[in-house]
Amino acid sequence: MTHDEFLEKWDNTPIDVSSATTIWKALRAVVELHKKKLEPEWSPFKDSCKECRKPYPCRTLQAIQEQLK
């Protein structure tokens, strides 16, 4: 599935209890992937995202947090 096809499917999914649960689980999986990397204090990656190695919180988590305000 392409990125555009994925977004179209997402946009066209009706929201009900079942789909809300599925969406919540998917979002939770993304948040789990982008958790803070556990590294020794001397490591250059100690304050980075485990998945993308960008500074924590990464842009993915920032986008999710912004939408949940």
PDB file of N, CA and C in Angstrom:
ATOM      1  N   MET A   1       0.852  -1.177   0.000  1.00  0.00           N
ATOM      2  CA  MET A   1       0.000   0.000   0.000  1.00  0.00           C
ATOM      3  C   MET A   1       0.898   1.240   0.000  1.00  0.00           C
ATOM      4  N   THR A   2       0.597   2.170  -0.872  1.00  0.00           N
ATOM      5  CA  THR A   2       1.377   3.403  -0.916  1.00  0.00           C
ATOM      6  C   THR A   2       0.970   4.319   0.239  1.00  0.00           C
ATOM      7  N   HIS A   3       1.770   5.324   0.455  1.00  0.00           N
ATOM      8  CA  HIS A   3       1.473   6.298   1.510  1.00  0.00           C
ATOM      9  C   HIS A   3       0.133   6.981   1.247  1.00  0.00           C
ATOM     10  N   ASP A   4      -0.102   7.393   0.005  1.00  0.00           N
ATOM     11  CA  ASP A   4      -1.366   8.049  -0.343  1.00  0.00           C
ATOM     12  C   ASP A   4      -2.557   7.112  -0.177  1.00  0.00           C
ATOM     13  N   GLU A   5      -2.394   5.851  -0.542  1.00  0.00           N
ATOM     14  CA  GLU A   5      -3.475   4.872  -0.364  1.00  0.00           C
ATOM     15  C   GLU A   5      -3.767   4.669   1.122  1.00  0.00           C
ATOM     16  N   PHE A   6      -2.710   4.632   1.913  1.00  0.00           N
ATOM     17  CA  PHE A   6      -2.882   4.480   3.358  1.00  0.00           C
ATOM     18  C   PHE A   6      -3.669   5.652   3.933  1.00  0.00           C
ATOM     19  N   LEU A   7      -3.287   6.872   3.558  1.00  0.00           N
ATOM     20  CA  LEU A   7      -4.003   8.049   4.057  1.00  0.00           C
ATOM     21  C   LEU A   7      -5.454   8.064   3.594  1.00  0.00           C
ATOM     22  N   GLU A   8      -5.694   7.656   2.363  1.00  0.00           N
ATOM     23  CA  GLU A   8      -7.072   7.610   1.859  1.00  0.00           C
ATOM     24  C   GLU A   8      -7.898   6.604   2.658  1.00  0.00           C
ATOM     25  N   LYS A   9      -7.328   5.438   2.919  1.00  0.00           N
ATOM     26  CA  LYS A   9      -8.034   4.436   3.730  1.00  0.00           C
ATOM     27  C   LYS A   9      -8.311   4.992   5.124  1.00  0.00           C
ATOM     28  N   TRP A  10      -7.288   5.640   5.715  1.00  0.00           N
ATOM     29  CA  TRP A  10      -7.434   6.224   7.051  1.00  0.00           C
ATOM     30  C   TRP A  10      -8.557   7.262   7.058  1.00  0.00           C
ATOM     31  N   ASP A  11      -8.544   8.146   6.068  1.00  0.00           N
ATOM     32  CA  ASP A  11      -9.547   9.217   6.001  1.00  0.00           C
ATOM     33  C   ASP A  11     -10.954   8.696   5.752  1.00  0.00           C
ATOM     34  N   ASN A  12     -11.069   7.538   5.117  1.00  0.00           N
ATOM     35  CA  ASN A  12     -12.383   7.005   4.763  1.00  0.00           C
ATOM     36  C   ASN A  12     -12.878   5.930   5.722  1.00  0.00           C
ATOM     37  N   THR A  13     -12.167   5.718   6.816  1.00  0.00           N
ATOM     38  CA  THR A  13     -12.616   4.746   7.814  1.00  0.00           C
ATOM     39  C   THR A  13     -13.603   5.420   8.752  1.00  0.00           C
ATOM     40  N   PRO A  14     -14.856   4.911   8.791  1.00  0.00           N
ATOM     41  CA  PRO A  14     -15.814   5.513   9.720  1.00  0.00           C
ATOM     42  C   PRO A  14     -15.388   5.264  11.168  1.00  0.00           C
ATOM     43  N   ILE A  15     -15.630   6.236  12.014  1.00  0.00           N
ATOM     44  CA  ILE A  15     -15.247   6.116  13.417  1.00  0.00           C
ATOM     45  C   ILE A  15     -16.408   5.515  14.207  1.00  0.00           C
ATOM     46  N   ASP A  16     -16.158   4.343  14.745  1.00  0.00           N
ATOM     47  CA  ASP A  16     -17.076   3.703  15.674  1.00  0.00           C
ATOM     48  C   ASP A  16     -16.220   3.079  16.770  1.00  0.00           C
ATOM     49  N   VAL A  17     -16.806   2.384  17.677  1.00  0.00           N
ATOM     50  CA  VAL A  17     -16.047   1.833  18.808  1.00  0.00           C
ATOM     51  C   VAL A  17     -14.958   0.884  18.323  1.00  0.00           C
ATOM     52  N   SER A  18     -15.278   0.045  17.360  1.00  0.00           N
ATOM     53  CA  SER A  18     -14.310  -0.928  16.858  1.00  0.00           C
ATOM     54  C   SER A  18     -13.132  -0.243  16.168  1.00  0.00           C
ATOM     55  N   SER A  19     -13.417   0.703  15.277  1.00  0.00           N
ATOM     56  CA  SER A  19     -12.324   1.370  14.570  1.00  0.00           C
ATOM     57  C   SER A  19     -11.539   2.276  15.511  1.00  0.00           C
ATOM     58  N   ALA A  20     -12.198   2.877  16.497  1.00  0.00           N
ATOM     59  CA  ALA A  20     -11.492   3.719  17.464  1.00  0.00           C
ATOM     60  C   ALA A  20     -10.486   2.879  18.252  1.00  0.00           C
ATOM     61  N   THR A  21     -10.863   1.676  18.615  1.00  0.00           N
ATOM     62  CA  THR A  21      -9.956   0.778  19.330  1.00  0.00           C
ATOM     63  C   THR A  21      -8.770   0.410  18.449  1.00  0.00           C
ATOM     64  N   THR A  22      -9.029   0.114  17.188  1.00  0.00           N
ATOM     65  CA  THR A  22      -7.963  -0.230  16.250  1.00  0.00           C
ATOM     66  C   THR A  22      -7.018   0.944  16.051  1.00  0.00           C
ATOM     67  N   ILE A  23      -7.566   2.133  15.892  1.00  0.00           N
ATOM     68  CA  ILE A  23      -6.752   3.337  15.718  1.00  0.00           C
ATOM     69  C   ILE A  23      -5.916   3.594  16.960  1.00  0.00           C
ATOM     70  N   TRP A  24      -6.505   3.430  18.131  1.00  0.00           N
ATOM     71  CA  TRP A  24      -5.777   3.617  19.383  1.00  0.00           C
ATOM     72  C   TRP A  24      -4.602   2.654  19.467  1.00  0.00           C
ATOM     73  N   LYS A  25      -4.820   1.385  19.101  1.00  0.00           N
ATOM     74  CA  LYS A  25      -3.745   0.387  19.140  1.00  0.00           C
ATOM     75  C   LYS A  25      -2.633   0.731  18.155  1.00  0.00           C
ATOM     76  N   ALA A  26      -3.005   1.205  16.980  1.00  0.00           N
ATOM     77  CA  ALA A  26      -2.000   1.592  15.981  1.00  0.00           C
ATOM     78  C   ALA A  26      -1.175   2.770  16.474  1.00  0.00           C
ATOM     79  N   LEU A  27      -1.842   3.758  17.031  1.00  0.00           N
ATOM     80  CA  LEU A  27      -1.139   4.935  17.553  1.00  0.00           C
ATOM     81  C   LEU A  27      -0.228   4.547  18.711  1.00  0.00           C
ATOM     82  N   ARG A  28      -0.699   3.678  19.562  1.00  0.00           N
ATOM     83  CA  ARG A  28       0.103   3.191  20.697  1.00  0.00           C
ATOM     84  C   ARG A  28       1.365   2.478  20.196  1.00  0.00           C
ATOM     85  N   ALA A  29       1.240   1.694  19.114  1.00  0.00           N
ATOM     86  CA  ALA A  29       2.386   0.991  18.546  1.00  0.00           C
ATOM     87  C   ALA A  29       3.433   1.982  18.031  1.00  0.00           C
ATOM     88  N   VAL A  30       2.984   3.063  17.408  1.00  0.00           N
ATOM     89  CA  VAL A  30       3.908   4.089  16.919  1.00  0.00           C
ATOM     90  C   VAL A  30       4.631   4.752  18.089  1.00  0.00           C
ATOM     91  N   VAL A  31       3.892   5.090  19.133  1.00  0.00           N
ATOM     92  CA  VAL A  31       4.494   5.723  20.314  1.00  0.00           C
ATOM     93  C   VAL A  31       5.522   4.775  20.952  1.00  0.00           C
ATOM     94  N   GLU A  32       5.214   3.489  21.012  1.00  0.00           N
ATOM     95  CA  GLU A  32       6.159   2.515  21.577  1.00  0.00           C
ATOM     96  C   GLU A  32       7.434   2.431  20.743  1.00  0.00           C
ATOM     97  N   LEU A  33       7.321   2.515  19.426  1.00  0.00           N
ATOM     98  CA  LEU A  33       8.502   2.482  18.566  1.00  0.00           C
ATOM     99  C   LEU A  33       9.402   3.684  18.794  1.00  0.00           C
ATOM    100  N   HIS A  34       8.803   4.816  19.105  1.00  0.00           N
ATOM    101  CA  HIS A  34       9.552   6.068  19.224  1.00  0.00           C
ATOM    102  C   HIS A  34       9.843   6.448  20.676  1.00  0.00           C
ATOM    103  N   LYS A  35      10.095   5.442  21.509  1.00  0.00           N
ATOM    104  CA  LYS A  35      10.432   5.742  22.901  1.00  0.00           C
ATOM    105  C   LYS A  35      11.880   6.192  23.017  1.00  0.00           C
ATOM    106  N   LYS A  36      12.187   6.771  24.151  1.00  0.00           N
ATOM    107  CA  LYS A  36      13.540   7.276  24.405  1.00  0.00           C
ATOM    108  C   LYS A  36      14.510   6.108  24.492  1.00  0.00           C
ATOM    109  N   LYS A  37      15.635   6.250  23.824  1.00  0.00           N
ATOM    110  CA  LYS A  37      16.665   5.212  23.809  1.00  0.00           C
ATOM    111  C   LYS A  37      17.388   5.192  25.154  1.00  0.00           C
ATOM    112  N   LEU A  38      17.517   4.017  25.719  1.00  0.00           N
ATOM    113  CA  LEU A  38      18.234   3.865  26.984  1.00  0.00           C
ATOM    114  C   LEU A  38      19.709   3.637  26.683  1.00  0.00           C
ATOM    115  N   GLU A  39      20.498   4.626  26.958  1.00  0.00           N
ATOM    116  CA  GLU A  39      21.938   4.589  26.690  1.00  0.00           C
ATOM    117  C   GLU A  39      22.692   5.082  27.911  1.00  0.00           C
ATOM    118  N   PRO A  40      23.963   4.705  28.023  1.00  0.00           N
ATOM    119  CA  PRO A  40      24.781   5.240  29.118  1.00  0.00           C
ATOM    120  C   PRO A  40      24.878   6.765  29.018  1.00  0.00           C
ATOM    121  N   GLU A  41      25.134   7.386  30.126  1.00  0.00           N
ATOM    122  CA  GLU A  41      25.206   8.854  30.192  1.00  0.00           C
ATOM    123  C   GLU A  41      26.216   9.437  29.218  1.00  0.00           C
ATOM    124  N   TRP A  42      27.272   8.723  28.921  1.00  0.00           N
ATOM    125  CA  TRP A  42      28.325   9.232  28.028  1.00  0.00           C
ATOM    126  C   TRP A  42      27.993   9.062  26.546  1.00  0.00           C
ATOM    127  N   SER A  43      26.952   8.309  26.235  1.00  0.00           N
ATOM    128  CA  SER A  43      26.614   8.017  24.834  1.00  0.00           C
ATOM    129  C   SER A  43      26.060   9.249  24.113  1.00  0.00           C
ATOM    130  N   PRO A  44      26.448   9.451  22.860  1.00  0.00           N
ATOM    131  CA  PRO A  44      25.888  10.568  22.096  1.00  0.00           C
ATOM    132  C   PRO A  44      24.410  10.364  21.765  1.00  0.00           C
ATOM    133  N   PHE A  45      23.901   9.131  21.934  1.00  0.00           N
ATOM    134  CA  PHE A  45      22.505   8.827  21.639  1.00  0.00           C
ATOM    135  C   PHE A  45      21.630   8.768  22.889  1.00  0.00           C
ATOM    136  N   LYS A  46      22.149   9.219  24.039  1.00  0.00           N
ATOM    137  CA  LYS A  46      21.427   9.054  25.305  1.00  0.00           C
ATOM    138  C   LYS A  46      20.102   9.799  25.350  1.00  0.00           C
ATOM    139  N   ASP A  47      19.951  10.871  24.608  1.00  0.00           N
ATOM    140  CA  ASP A  47      18.694  11.615  24.595  1.00  0.00           C
ATOM    141  C   ASP A  47      18.060  11.572  23.212  1.00  0.00           C
ATOM    142  N   SER A  48      18.016  10.354  22.641  1.00  0.00           N
ATOM    143  CA  SER A  48      17.477  10.231  21.297  1.00  0.00           C
ATOM    144  C   SER A  48      16.340   9.224  21.241  1.00  0.00           C
ATOM    145  N   CYS A  49      15.595   9.306  20.153  1.00  0.00           N
ATOM    146  CA  CYS A  49      14.502   8.382  19.879  1.00  0.00           C
ATOM    147  C   CYS A  49      15.096   7.034  19.477  1.00  0.00           C
ATOM    148  N   LYS A  50      14.554   5.971  20.025  1.00  0.00           N
ATOM    149  CA  LYS A  50      15.058   4.634  19.724  1.00  0.00           C
ATOM    150  C   LYS A  50      14.863   4.274  18.252  1.00  0.00           C
ATOM    151  N   GLU A  51      13.775   4.714  17.649  1.00  0.00           N
ATOM    152  CA  GLU A  51      13.453   4.338  16.273  1.00  0.00           C
ATOM    153  C   GLU A  51      14.193   5.180  15.240  1.00  0.00           C
ATOM    154  N   CYS A  52      14.165   6.487  15.377  1.00  0.00           N
ATOM    155  CA  CYS A  52      14.727   7.346  14.320  1.00  0.00           C
ATOM    156  C   CYS A  52      16.031   8.030  14.719  1.00  0.00           C
ATOM    157  N   ARG A  53      16.440   7.879  15.970  1.00  0.00           N
ATOM    158  CA  ARG A  53      17.694   8.442  16.482  1.00  0.00           C
ATOM    159  C   ARG A  53      17.780   9.960  16.381  1.00  0.00           C
ATOM    160  N   LYS A  54      16.657  10.594  16.312  1.00  0.00           N
ATOM    161  CA  LYS A  54      16.605  12.060  16.362  1.00  0.00           C
ATOM    162  C   LYS A  54      16.459  12.453  17.823  1.00  0.00           C
ATOM    163  N   PRO A  55      16.714  13.720  18.168  1.00  0.00           N
ATOM    164  CA  PRO A  55      16.555  14.142  19.558  1.00  0.00           C
ATOM    165  C   PRO A  55      15.155  13.815  20.089  1.00  0.00           C
ATOM    166  N   TYR A  56      15.110  13.331  21.327  1.00  0.00           N
ATOM    167  CA  TYR A  56      13.848  12.950  21.960  1.00  0.00           C
ATOM    168  C   TYR A  56      13.215  14.149  22.650  1.00  0.00           C
ATOM    169  N   PRO A  57      11.941  14.383  22.515  1.00  0.00           N
ATOM    170  CA  PRO A  57      10.984  13.651  21.691  1.00  0.00           C
ATOM    171  C   PRO A  57      11.141  14.010  20.215  1.00  0.00           C
ATOM    172  N   CYS A  58      11.089  12.997  19.372  1.00  0.00           N
ATOM    173  CA  CYS A  58      11.278  13.201  17.938  1.00  0.00           C
ATOM    174  C   CYS A  58      10.048  13.880  17.326  1.00  0.00           C
ATOM    175  N   ARG A  59      10.144  14.213  16.055  1.00  0.00           N
ATOM    176  CA  ARG A  59       9.051  14.911  15.377  1.00  0.00           C
ATOM    177  C   ARG A  59       7.772  14.071  15.346  1.00  0.00           C
ATOM    178  N   THR A  60       7.933  12.752  15.282  1.00  0.00           N
ATOM    179  CA  THR A  60       6.753  11.873  15.279  1.00  0.00           C
ATOM    180  C   THR A  60       5.973  12.044  16.580  1.00  0.00           C
ATOM    181  N   LEU A  61       6.667  11.957  17.701  1.00  0.00           N
ATOM    182  CA  LEU A  61       5.999  12.114  18.997  1.00  0.00           C
ATOM    183  C   LEU A  61       5.466  13.531  19.180  1.00  0.00           C
ATOM    184  N   GLN A  62       6.210  14.522  18.719  1.00  0.00           N
ATOM    185  CA  GLN A  62       5.744  15.896  18.818  1.00  0.00           C
ATOM    186  C   GLN A  62       4.446  16.091  18.037  1.00  0.00           C
ATOM    187  N   ALA A  63       4.363  15.486  16.839  1.00  0.00           N
ATOM    188  CA  ALA A  63       3.143  15.603  16.022  1.00  0.00           C
ATOM    189  C   ALA A  63       1.961  14.943  16.712  1.00  0.00           C
ATOM    190  N   ILE A  64       2.185  13.767  17.300  1.00  0.00           N
ATOM    191  CA  ILE A  64       1.111  13.067  18.006  1.00  0.00           C
ATOM    192  C   ILE A  64       0.667  13.882  19.219  1.00  0.00           C
ATOM    193  N   GLN A  65       1.620  14.374  20.002  1.00  0.00           N
ATOM    194  CA  GLN A  65       1.287  15.164  21.182  1.00  0.00           C
ATOM    195  C   GLN A  65       0.506  16.416  20.804  1.00  0.00           C
ATOM    196  N   GLU A  66       0.896  17.066  19.722  1.00  0.00           N
ATOM    197  CA  GLU A  66       0.212  18.273  19.284  1.00  0.00           C
ATOM    198  C   GLU A  66      -1.253  17.992  18.909  1.00  0.00           C
ATOM    199  N   GLN A  67      -1.490  16.869  18.239  1.00  0.00           N
ATOM    200  CA  GLN A  67      -2.844  16.534  17.824  1.00  0.00           C
ATOM    201  C   GLN A  67      -3.718  16.081  18.993  1.00  0.00           C
ATOM    202  N   LEU A  68      -3.101  15.626  20.068  1.00  0.00           N
ATOM    203  CA  LEU A  68      -3.870  15.154  21.227  1.00  0.00           C
ATOM    204  C   LEU A  68      -4.156  16.249  22.246  1.00  0.00           C
ATOM    205  N   LYS A  69      -3.737  17.480  21.970  1.00  0.00           N
ATOM    206  CA  LYS A  69      -4.017  18.596  22.895  1.00  0.00           C
ATOM    207  C   LYS A  69      -5.485  18.921  22.915  1.00  0.00           C
TER     208      LYS A  69
END
